Amino acid sequence: MTTPQPQYDEKQILRPKQTQAKLGIGHSKFWEDVKAGRLPPVRRFGPKTVGHTLDEINAVIDQAPRV
């Protein structure tokens, strides 16, 4: 019997470290890409919480050139 795959909410918040892991980039490259506009600006979700929504990051991945 197989285990069902978890369903992800497209509005799930990804913190910077989670986004870095999903994109396979490091801390400095992540912030460099945000500053250069290659990644959307981080959103503030609380006083000490910033991140992106899962659908924002999926859109970046979908638009990335294929090699």
Protein backbone atom coordinates (compact mmCIF):
# COMPACT_ATOMS: atom_id res chain seq x y z
CA MET A 1 0.00 0.00 0.00
CA THR A 2 1.42 3.40 -0.92
CA THR A 3 1.45 6.44 1.29
CA PRO A 4 -0.45 9.40 -0.13
CA GLN A 5 1.67 12.39 -1.11
CA PRO A 6 1.15 15.46 1.07
CA GLN A 7 -0.95 18.19 -0.49
CA TYR A 8 0.80 21.57 -0.44
CA ASP A 9 -1.08 24.80 -0.17
CA GLU A 10 0.09 27.18 -2.91
CA LYS A 11 -0.08 29.98 -0.32
CA GLN A 12 2.33 28.15 1.99
CA ILE A 13 5.03 30.48 3.29
CA LEU A 14 8.62 29.55 2.50
CA ARG A 15 11.18 31.17 4.74
CA PRO A 16 14.48 32.23 3.12
CA LYS A 17 16.31 29.02 4.12
CA GLN A 18 13.51 26.88 2.68
CA THR A 19 13.53 28.91 -0.54
CA GLN A 20 17.31 28.57 -0.80
CA ALA A 21 17.03 24.80 -0.41
CA LYS A 22 14.23 24.55 -3.00
CA LEU A 23 16.24 26.60 -5.52
CA GLY A 24 19.58 24.97 -4.66
CA ILE A 25 21.33 28.28 -3.95
CA GLY A 26 23.21 29.64 -0.97
CA HIS A 27 22.51 32.51 1.40
CA SER A 28 24.54 35.17 -0.43
CA LYS A 29 23.23 34.19 -3.88
CA PHE A 30 19.65 34.26 -2.57
CA TRP A 31 19.92 37.84 -1.27
CA GLU A 32 21.88 38.91 -4.36
CA ASP A 33 19.06 37.58 -6.57
CA VAL A 34 16.40 39.33 -4.46
CA LYS A 35 18.31 42.61 -4.66
CA ALA A 36 18.85 42.25 -8.44
CA GLY A 37 15.16 41.44 -9.05
CA ARG A 38 15.76 37.87 -10.24
CA LEU A 39 13.67 36.74 -7.25
CA PRO A 40 10.59 38.58 -6.02
CA PRO A 41 11.06 40.79 -2.96
CA VAL A 42 10.49 39.04 0.35
CA ARG A 43 7.17 39.66 2.04
CA ARG A 44 6.83 40.55 5.69
CA PHE A 45 4.41 38.12 7.36
CA GLY A 46 5.07 39.23 10.92
CA PRO A 47 7.47 41.31 13.00
CA LYS A 48 10.30 38.79 12.57
CA THR A 49 8.97 36.70 9.69
CA VAL A 50 9.83 37.23 6.04
CA GLY A 51 9.56 34.90 3.08
CA HIS A 52 7.85 34.08 -0.18
CA THR A 53 4.73 32.13 -0.95
CA LEU A 54 5.15 28.75 -2.58
CA ASP A 55 3.35 29.91 -5.73
CA GLU A 56 5.80 32.84 -6.12
CA ILE A 57 8.78 30.48 -6.02
CA ASN A 58 7.09 27.93 -8.30
CA ALA A 59 6.52 30.75 -10.81
CA VAL A 60 10.24 31.61 -10.69
CA ILE A 61 11.12 27.95 -11.28
CA ASP A 62 8.63 27.68 -14.17
CA GLN A 63 10.08 30.80 -15.85
CA ALA A 64 13.70 29.70 -15.47
CA PRO A 65 15.42 28.81 -18.73
CA ARG A 66 15.83 25.08 -19.30
CA VAL A 67 19.29 23.78 -20.01
